Amino acid sequence: MLNQVTTMLKKITYFSLAGLALMASPATMAQSVEESIKENLSKRISQPVNEVRKTPFDNLYEVRVQGAVVYTDADGQFVIFGGHLYDLDKKVNLTELAMEEMNRIDIDSLPLDKALKIVYGDGKNRLVTFEDPNCPWCKRLQAEFEQMDVTVYTFVTPILSADSFTKSRNILCAEDPVKTWKDWMGKNISPKKQETCELPINEMLALMQNSNVSGTPAIFFENGKRINGFADAKRMNATMQEQKPQ
């Protein structure tokens, strides 16, 4: 009788332990994924990883680093930070690439005949700018263009003030608009007052909007790249040499 009771207790103990093991396995697996992510990301990002938590979404984990929260997949290959998605393996900002694709402009699709055409050096490369005559960063571009071999097509877009419109009219209605533009933007020589003439300002502002330009300067390159804001000659030349997207 005693032997039968002993055997029964052994069986109960065995099945109880097995059941507990099965019940614990999901938590153990989850913890293992979190620890794996923590170890993986600690080697890939500059900030120390303080904690990793599973989110309600499949294959998405919350990662707490110093002063910020980021999100990653179970493999720790992709990270969402500041609204941008990064591929850590390829070291690529996927959101930035998507935005670049969305904002890409074929400069030959633009009405270049309505732009000021200025040749610097041998002019072998081409780029397009949107500039306001009262934009200080636009004025700084002139010295950079002087160091380059580039043909610049500039759309004068007066958006900063009423005086921007006045200066645009005085420049575009001048006998030599290109020289007047260069004198003002590069040498700070004020354009002479011009009588009212027909300007395609509304057309230029519409073009600016359709090209997803929200400020000046904006620079477009033949390879489809663009720079929003000021860039020096070195950066512009490097951007022009980047591979044209397929």
C-alpha atoms as a PDB file:
ATOM      1  CA  MET A   1       0.000   0.000   0.000  1.00  0.00           C
ATOM      2  CA  LEU A   2       2.803   2.362   0.945  1.00  0.00           C
ATOM      3  CA  ASN A   3       4.542   1.651  -2.334  1.00  0.00           C
ATOM      4  CA  GLN A   4       1.379   2.527  -4.271  1.00  0.00           C
ATOM      5  CA  VAL A   5       1.012   5.868  -2.469  1.00  0.00           C
ATOM      6  CA  THR A   6       4.670   6.697  -3.081  1.00  0.00           C
ATOM      7  CA  THR A   7       4.311   5.916  -6.778  1.00  0.00           C
ATOM      8  CA  MET A   8       1.166   8.066  -7.020  1.00  0.00           C
ATOM      9  CA  LEU A   9       2.889  11.045  -5.317  1.00  0.00           C
ATOM     10  CA  LYS A  10       5.801  10.769  -7.725  1.00  0.00           C
ATOM     11  CA  LYS A  11       3.405  10.879 -10.681  1.00  0.00           C
ATOM     12  CA  ILE A  12       1.551  13.907  -9.253  1.00  0.00           C
ATOM     13  CA  THR A  13       4.845  15.727  -8.629  1.00  0.00           C
ATOM     14  CA  TYR A  14       6.077  14.966 -12.159  1.00  0.00           C
ATOM     15  CA  PHE A  15       2.928  16.226 -13.874  1.00  0.00           C
ATOM     16  CA  SER A  16       2.762  19.310 -11.612  1.00  0.00           C
ATOM     17  CA  LEU A  17       6.338  20.314 -12.465  1.00  0.00           C
ATOM     18  CA  ALA A  18       5.712  19.688 -16.164  1.00  0.00           C
ATOM     19  CA  GLY A  19       2.621  21.868 -16.025  1.00  0.00           C
ATOM     20  CA  LEU A  20       4.487  24.648 -14.284  1.00  0.00           C
ATOM     21  CA  ALA A  21       7.213  24.438 -16.930  1.00  0.00           C
ATOM     22  CA  LEU A  22       4.639  24.787 -19.708  1.00  0.00           C
ATOM     23  CA  MET A  23       2.978  27.705 -17.964  1.00  0.00           C
ATOM     24  CA  ALA A  24       6.310  29.467 -17.464  1.00  0.00           C
ATOM     25  CA  SER A  25       7.632  28.956 -20.983  1.00  0.00           C
ATOM     26  CA  PRO A  26       5.856  31.950 -22.668  1.00  0.00           C
ATOM     27  CA  ALA A  27       7.170  34.363 -20.015  1.00  0.00           C
ATOM     28  CA  THR A  28      10.607  32.838 -20.265  1.00  0.00           C
ATOM     29  CA  MET A  29      10.579  33.166 -24.034  1.00  0.00           C
ATOM     30  CA  ALA A  30       9.376  36.795 -23.826  1.00  0.00           C
ATOM     31  CA  GLN A  31      12.080  37.629 -21.339  1.00  0.00           C
ATOM     32  CA  SER A  32      14.635  35.971 -23.593  1.00  0.00           C
ATOM     33  CA  VAL A  33      13.551  38.143 -26.559  1.00  0.00           C
ATOM     34  CA  GLU A  34      13.738  41.292 -24.460  1.00  0.00           C
ATOM     35  CA  GLU A  35      17.156  40.438 -23.125  1.00  0.00           C
ATOM     36  CA  SER A  36      18.330  39.603 -26.632  1.00  0.00           C
ATOM     37  CA  ILE A  37      17.088  42.972 -27.906  1.00  0.00           C
ATOM     38  CA  LYS A  38      18.789  44.771 -25.020  1.00  0.00           C
ATOM     39  CA  GLU A  39      22.080  43.042 -25.689  1.00  0.00           C
ATOM     40  CA  ASN A  40      21.809  43.539 -29.460  1.00  0.00           C
ATOM     41  CA  LEU A  41      20.933  47.235 -29.356  1.00  0.00           C
ATOM     42  CA  SER A  42      23.530  48.007 -26.699  1.00  0.00           C
ATOM     43  CA  LYS A  43      26.158  47.128 -29.302  1.00  0.00           C
ATOM     44  CA  ARG A  44      24.535  49.163 -32.085  1.00  0.00           C
ATOM     45  CA  ILE A  45      23.436  52.476 -30.613  1.00  0.00           C
ATOM     46  CA  SER A  46      25.380  55.075 -28.671  1.00  0.00           C
ATOM     47  CA  GLN A  47      22.890  55.361 -25.777  1.00  0.00           C
ATOM     48  CA  PRO A  48      22.786  52.723 -23.015  1.00  0.00           C
ATOM     49  CA  VAL A  49      19.638  50.580 -23.111  1.00  0.00           C
ATOM     50  CA  ASN A  50      17.862  50.750 -19.750  1.00  0.00           C
ATOM     51  CA  GLU A  51      14.800  48.602 -20.358  1.00  0.00           C
ATOM     52  CA  VAL A  52      12.938  46.679 -23.091  1.00  0.00           C
ATOM     53  CA  ARG A  53       9.189  46.042 -22.983  1.00  0.00           C
ATOM     54  CA  LYS A  54       6.780  44.200 -25.269  1.00  0.00           C
ATOM     55  CA  THR A  55       4.123  46.465 -26.772  1.00  0.00           C
ATOM     56  CA  PRO A  56       0.532  45.411 -27.625  1.00  0.00           C
ATOM     57  CA  PHE A  57       1.597  45.185 -31.286  1.00  0.00           C
ATOM     58  CA  ASP A  58       3.064  42.022 -32.741  1.00  0.00           C
ATOM     59  CA  ASN A  59       6.849  42.046 -33.090  1.00  0.00           C
ATOM     60  CA  LEU A  60       7.164  45.604 -31.724  1.00  0.00           C
ATOM     61  CA  TYR A  61       9.127  46.351 -28.569  1.00  0.00           C
ATOM     62  CA  GLU A  62       9.525  49.536 -26.552  1.00  0.00           C
ATOM     63  CA  VAL A  63      13.138  50.362 -25.764  1.00  0.00           C
ATOM     64  CA  ARG A  64      13.943  52.870 -23.054  1.00  0.00           C
ATOM     65  CA  VAL A  65      17.277  54.609 -23.418  1.00  0.00           C
ATOM     66  CA  GLN A  66      18.617  57.625 -21.601  1.00  0.00           C
ATOM     67  CA  GLY A  67      16.201  60.503 -22.197  1.00  0.00           C
ATOM     68  CA  ALA A  68      14.241  58.820 -24.998  1.00  0.00           C
ATOM     69  CA  VAL A  69      11.960  55.957 -26.004  1.00  0.00           C
ATOM     70  CA  VAL A  70      12.497  54.091 -29.276  1.00  0.00           C
ATOM     71  CA  TYR A  71      10.761  51.109 -30.840  1.00  0.00           C
ATOM     72  CA  THR A  72      12.274  48.053 -32.475  1.00  0.00           C
ATOM     73  CA  ASP A  73      11.467  44.629 -33.873  1.00  0.00           C
ATOM     74  CA  ALA A  74      12.361  41.354 -32.156  1.00  0.00           C
ATOM     75  CA  ASP A  75      15.651  41.129 -34.077  1.00  0.00           C
ATOM     76  CA  GLY A  76      16.687  44.677 -33.233  1.00  0.00           C
ATOM     77  CA  GLN A  77      17.370  45.429 -36.910  1.00  0.00           C
ATOM     78  CA  PHE A  78      14.849  48.237 -37.383  1.00  0.00           C
ATOM     79  CA  VAL A  79      14.399  51.139 -34.973  1.00  0.00           C
ATOM     80  CA  ILE A  80      11.737  53.862 -34.903  1.00  0.00           C
ATOM     81  CA  PHE A  81      13.081  57.056 -33.360  1.00  0.00           C
ATOM     82  CA  GLY A  82      11.786  60.616 -33.633  1.00  0.00           C
ATOM     83  CA  GLY A  83       9.202  59.534 -36.194  1.00  0.00           C
ATOM     84  CA  HIS A  84      11.901  58.034 -38.455  1.00  0.00           C
ATOM     85  CA  LEU A  85      12.470  54.364 -39.253  1.00  0.00           C
ATOM     86  CA  TYR A  86      16.112  53.235 -39.327  1.00  0.00           C
ATOM     87  CA  ASP A  87      17.663  50.038 -40.695  1.00  0.00           C
ATOM     88  CA  LEU A  88      20.561  49.458 -38.291  1.00  0.00           C
ATOM     89  CA  ASP A  89      22.120  46.699 -40.408  1.00  0.00           C
ATOM     90  CA  LYS A  90      22.391  48.929 -43.464  1.00  0.00           C
ATOM     91  CA  LYS A  91      22.791  52.139 -41.426  1.00  0.00           C
ATOM     92  CA  VAL A  92      20.032  53.786 -43.464  1.00  0.00           C
ATOM     93  CA  ASN A  93      17.251  56.198 -42.501  1.00  0.00           C
ATOM     94  CA  LEU A  94      14.358  54.583 -44.380  1.00  0.00           C
ATOM     95  CA  THR A  95      11.968  57.470 -43.679  1.00  0.00           C
ATOM     96  CA  GLU A  96      14.456  59.953 -45.110  1.00  0.00           C
ATOM     97  CA  LEU A  97      14.791  57.829 -48.248  1.00  0.00           C
ATOM     98  CA  ALA A  98      10.997  57.714 -48.603  1.00  0.00           C
ATOM     99  CA  MET A  99      10.759  61.495 -48.195  1.00  0.00           C
ATOM    100  CA  GLU A 100      13.521  61.959 -50.766  1.00  0.00           C
ATOM    101  CA  GLU A 101      11.651  59.744 -53.212  1.00  0.00           C
ATOM    102  CA  MET A 102       8.398  61.620 -52.584  1.00  0.00           C
ATOM    103  CA  ASN A 103      10.040  65.044 -53.054  1.00  0.00           C
ATOM    104  CA  ARG A 104      12.215  64.158 -56.044  1.00  0.00           C
ATOM    105  CA  ILE A 105      11.886  66.624 -58.918  1.00  0.00           C
ATOM    106  CA  ASP A 106      13.055  66.221 -62.507  1.00  0.00           C
ATOM    107  CA  ILE A 107      14.464  69.691 -63.119  1.00  0.00           C
ATOM    108  CA  ASP A 108      13.687  69.391 -66.836  1.00  0.00           C
ATOM    109  CA  SER A 109      10.007  69.251 -65.895  1.00  0.00           C
ATOM    110  CA  LEU A 110      10.259  72.772 -64.461  1.00  0.00           C
ATOM    111  CA  PRO A 111       9.644  75.916 -66.569  1.00  0.00           C
ATOM    112  CA  LEU A 112      13.341  76.795 -66.750  1.00  0.00           C
ATOM    113  CA  ASP A 113      12.627  79.505 -69.335  1.00  0.00           C
ATOM    114  CA  LYS A 114      11.016  81.510 -66.528  1.00  0.00           C
ATOM    115  CA  ALA A 115      14.065  81.254 -64.279  1.00  0.00           C
ATOM    116  CA  LEU A 116      17.155  83.452 -64.137  1.00  0.00           C
ATOM    117  CA  LYS A 117      19.937  81.504 -65.846  1.00  0.00           C
ATOM    118  CA  ILE A 118      23.425  82.199 -64.489  1.00  0.00           C
ATOM    119  CA  VAL A 119      26.590  80.365 -65.551  1.00  0.00           C
ATOM    120  CA  TYR A 120      29.474  79.928 -63.113  1.00  0.00           C
ATOM    121  CA  GLY A 121      32.799  78.481 -64.267  1.00  0.00           C
ATOM    122  CA  ASP A 122      32.302  76.234 -67.278  1.00  0.00           C
ATOM    123  CA  GLY A 123      28.668  75.622 -66.278  1.00  0.00           C
ATOM    124  CA  LYS A 124      28.913  71.885 -66.995  1.00  0.00           C
ATOM    125  CA  ASN A 125      26.556  70.922 -64.151  1.00  0.00           C
ATOM    126  CA  ARG A 126      23.025  72.188 -63.592  1.00  0.00           C
ATOM    127  CA  LEU A 127      20.962  72.966 -60.559  1.00  0.00           C
ATOM    128  CA  VAL A 128      17.774  74.862 -59.745  1.00  0.00           C
ATOM    129  CA  THR A 129      17.160  77.174 -56.812  1.00  0.00           C
ATOM    130  CA  PHE A 130      14.162  78.863 -55.245  1.00  0.00           C
ATOM    131  CA  GLU A 131      15.325  82.126 -53.653  1.00  0.00           C
ATOM    132  CA  ASP A 132      13.875  85.228 -52.025  1.00  0.00           C
ATOM    133  CA  PRO A 133      15.854  88.459 -52.615  1.00  0.00           C
ATOM    134  CA  ASN A 134      15.696  89.251 -48.887  1.00  0.00           C
ATOM    135  CA  CYS A 135      16.833  85.787 -47.774  1.00  0.00           C
ATOM    136  CA  PRO A 136      20.297  86.117 -46.142  1.00  0.00           C
ATOM    137  CA  TRP A 137      21.123  82.448 -46.698  1.00  0.00           C
ATOM    138  CA  CYS A 138      20.244  82.838 -50.378  1.00  0.00           C
ATOM    139  CA  LYS A 139      22.675  85.749 -50.618  1.00  0.00           C
ATOM    140  CA  ARG A 140      25.405  83.589 -49.101  1.00  0.00           C
ATOM    141  CA  LEU A 141      24.912  81.054 -51.902  1.00  0.00           C
ATOM    142  CA  GLN A 142      26.391  83.428 -54.471  1.00  0.00           C
ATOM    143  CA  ALA A 143      29.925  83.143 -53.086  1.00  0.00           C
ATOM    144  CA  GLU A 144      29.580  79.343 -53.117  1.00  0.00           C
ATOM    145  CA  PHE A 145      28.438  79.259 -56.750  1.00  0.00           C
ATOM    146  CA  GLU A 146      31.524  81.296 -57.699  1.00  0.00           C
ATOM    147  CA  GLN A 147      33.627  78.306 -56.613  1.00  0.00           C
ATOM    148  CA  MET A 148      31.728  75.838 -58.810  1.00  0.00           C
ATOM    149  CA  ASP A 149      31.302  74.832 -62.452  1.00  0.00           C
ATOM    150  CA  VAL A 150      27.542  75.065 -62.603  1.00  0.00           C
ATOM    151  CA  THR A 151      24.632  76.613 -64.462  1.00  0.00           C
ATOM    152  CA  VAL A 152      22.084  77.860 -61.932  1.00  0.00           C
ATOM    153  CA  TYR A 153      18.409  78.366 -62.780  1.00  0.00           C
ATOM    154  CA  THR A 154      16.862  80.575 -60.106  1.00  0.00           C
ATOM    155  CA  PHE A 155      13.160  81.000 -59.524  1.00  0.00           C
ATOM    156  CA  VAL A 156      12.695  84.300 -57.686  1.00  0.00           C
ATOM    157  CA  THR A 157      10.014  83.638 -55.086  1.00  0.00           C
ATOM    158  CA  PRO A 158       9.166  86.631 -52.847  1.00  0.00           C
ATOM    159  CA  ILE A 159       7.764  85.079 -49.684  1.00  0.00           C
ATOM    160  CA  LEU A 160       9.469  86.851 -46.773  1.00  0.00           C
ATOM    161  CA  SER A 161       7.931  90.333 -46.902  1.00  0.00           C
ATOM    162  CA  ALA A 162       6.229  92.973 -49.057  1.00  0.00           C
ATOM    163  CA  ASP A 163       9.689  94.382 -49.771  1.00  0.00           C
ATOM    164  CA  SER A 164      10.627  91.004 -51.242  1.00  0.00           C
ATOM    165  CA  PHE A 165       7.947  91.547 -53.871  1.00  0.00           C
ATOM    166  CA  THR A 166       9.233  95.085 -54.566  1.00  0.00           C
ATOM    167  CA  LYS A 167      12.814  93.889 -54.947  1.00  0.00           C
ATOM    168  CA  SER A 168      11.707  90.986 -57.163  1.00  0.00           C
ATOM    169  CA  ARG A 169       9.882  93.409 -59.445  1.00  0.00           C
ATOM    170  CA  ASN A 170      12.872  95.778 -59.594  1.00  0.00           C
ATOM    171  CA  ILE A 171      15.177  92.882 -60.436  1.00  0.00           C
ATOM    172  CA  LEU A 172      13.028  91.001 -62.934  1.00  0.00           C
ATOM    173  CA  CYS A 173      11.883  94.173 -64.719  1.00  0.00           C
ATOM    174  CA  ALA A 174      15.413  95.526 -65.064  1.00  0.00           C
ATOM    175  CA  GLU A 175      17.078  95.768 -68.468  1.00  0.00           C
ATOM    176  CA  ASP A 176      19.522  93.039 -67.397  1.00  0.00           C
ATOM    177  CA  PRO A 177      17.775  90.918 -64.724  1.00  0.00           C
ATOM    178  CA  VAL A 178      20.697  88.495 -64.326  1.00  0.00           C
ATOM    179  CA  LYS A 179      23.256  91.236 -63.652  1.00  0.00           C
ATOM    180  CA  THR A 180      20.833  93.067 -61.368  1.00  0.00           C
ATOM    181  CA  TRP A 181      20.207  89.862 -59.403  1.00  0.00           C
ATOM    182  CA  LYS A 182      23.931  89.130 -59.063  1.00  0.00           C
ATOM    183  CA  ASP A 183      24.692  92.726 -58.063  1.00  0.00           C
ATOM    184  CA  TRP A 184      22.070  92.621 -55.313  1.00  0.00           C
ATOM    185  CA  MET A 185      22.622  89.090 -54.039  1.00  0.00           C
ATOM    186  CA  GLY A 186      26.406  89.077 -54.336  1.00  0.00           C
ATOM    187  CA  LYS A 187      27.417  92.737 -53.888  1.00  0.00           C
ATOM    188  CA  ASN A 188      24.436  94.243 -52.049  1.00  0.00           C
ATOM    189  CA  ILE A 189      23.888  96.808 -54.816  1.00  0.00           C
ATOM    190  CA  SER A 190      20.221  97.791 -54.593  1.00  0.00           C
ATOM    191  CA  PRO A 191      18.222  97.352 -57.807  1.00  0.00           C
ATOM    192  CA  LYS A 192      16.857 100.519 -59.374  1.00  0.00           C
ATOM    193  CA  LYS A 193      13.171 101.176 -59.013  1.00  0.00           C
ATOM    194  CA  GLN A 194      11.204  99.895 -61.980  1.00  0.00           C
ATOM    195  CA  GLU A 195       7.776 100.773 -63.263  1.00  0.00           C
ATOM    196  CA  THR A 196       5.154  98.123 -62.834  1.00  0.00           C
ATOM    197  CA  CYS A 197       5.555  95.252 -65.249  1.00  0.00           C
ATOM    198  CA  GLU A 198       3.856  91.908 -65.518  1.00  0.00           C
ATOM    199  CA  LEU A 199       5.514  89.376 -63.241  1.00  0.00           C
ATOM    200  CA  PRO A 200       4.667  85.653 -63.000  1.00  0.00           C
ATOM    201  CA  ILE A 201       4.773  85.838 -59.200  1.00  0.00           C
ATOM    202  CA  ASN A 202       1.614  83.783 -58.632  1.00  0.00           C
ATOM    203  CA  GLU A 203       2.904  81.195 -61.063  1.00  0.00           C
ATOM    204  CA  MET A 204       6.224  81.041 -59.210  1.00  0.00           C
ATOM    205  CA  LEU A 205       4.507  80.658 -55.847  1.00  0.00           C
ATOM    206  CA  ALA A 206       2.326  77.862 -57.255  1.00  0.00           C
ATOM    207  CA  LEU A 207       5.433  76.181 -58.656  1.00  0.00           C
ATOM    208  CA  MET A 208       7.063  76.465 -55.268  1.00  0.00           C
ATOM    209  CA  GLN A 209       4.079  74.824 -53.591  1.00  0.00           C
ATOM    210  CA  ASN A 210       3.837  72.052 -56.185  1.00  0.00           C
ATOM    211  CA  SER A 211       7.536  71.338 -55.683  1.00  0.00           C
ATOM    212  CA  ASN A 212       7.033  70.941 -51.917  1.00  0.00           C
ATOM    213  CA  VAL A 213       9.213  73.945 -51.170  1.00  0.00           C
ATOM    214  CA  SER A 214       8.295  75.651 -47.903  1.00  0.00           C
ATOM    215  CA  GLY A 215      11.239  78.028 -47.541  1.00  0.00           C
ATOM    216  CA  THR A 216      14.257  79.524 -49.238  1.00  0.00           C
ATOM    217  CA  PRO A 217      16.770  78.620 -50.359  1.00  0.00           C
ATOM    218  CA  ALA A 218      15.807  75.261 -51.845  1.00  0.00           C
ATOM    219  CA  ILE A 219      18.273  73.570 -54.198  1.00  0.00           C
ATOM    220  CA  PHE A 220      17.449  70.867 -56.778  1.00  0.00           C
ATOM    221  CA  PHE A 221      20.030  68.771 -58.633  1.00  0.00           C
ATOM    222  CA  GLU A 222      19.989  66.865 -61.933  1.00  0.00           C
ATOM    223  CA  ASN A 223      20.258  63.507 -60.150  1.00  0.00           C
ATOM    224  CA  GLY A 224      16.979  64.124 -58.323  1.00  0.00           C
ATOM    225  CA  LYS A 225      18.588  65.093 -55.029  1.00  0.00           C
ATOM    226  CA  ARG A 226      17.615  68.242 -53.172  1.00  0.00           C
ATOM    227  CA  ILE A 227      18.844  70.352 -50.283  1.00  0.00           C
ATOM    228  CA  ASN A 228      16.448  72.456 -48.238  1.00  0.00           C
ATOM    229  CA  GLY A 229      18.418  75.408 -46.922  1.00  0.00           C
ATOM    230  CA  PHE A 230      21.938  76.719 -47.357  1.00  0.00           C
ATOM    231  CA  ALA A 231      24.781  74.488 -48.539  1.00  0.00           C
ATOM    232  CA  ASP A 232      28.401  75.315 -49.237  1.00  0.00           C
ATOM    233  CA  ALA A 233      30.164  74.520 -52.508  1.00  0.00           C
ATOM    234  CA  LYS A 234      31.715  71.330 -51.119  1.00  0.00           C
ATOM    235  CA  ARG A 235      28.374  69.897 -50.082  1.00  0.00           C
ATOM    236  CA  MET A 236      26.656  70.888 -53.335  1.00  0.00           C
ATOM    237  CA  ASN A 237      29.432  69.331 -55.436  1.00  0.00           C
ATOM    238  CA  ALA A 238      29.254  66.138 -53.365  1.00  0.00           C
ATOM    239  CA  THR A 239      25.471  65.989 -53.760  1.00  0.00           C
ATOM    240  CA  MET A 240      25.773  66.398 -57.515  1.00  0.00           C
ATOM    241  CA  GLN A 241      28.120  63.400 -57.636  1.00  0.00           C
ATOM    242  CA  GLU A 242      25.761  61.072 -55.774  1.00  0.00           C
ATOM    243  CA  GLN A 243      24.303  58.248 -57.807  1.00  0.00           C
ATOM    244  CA  LYS A 244      21.120  59.112 -59.642  1.00  0.00           C
ATOM    245  CA  PRO A 245      18.192  57.109 -58.175  1.00  0.00           C
ATOM    246  CA  GLN A 246      16.946  54.310 -60.404  1.00  0.00           C
END
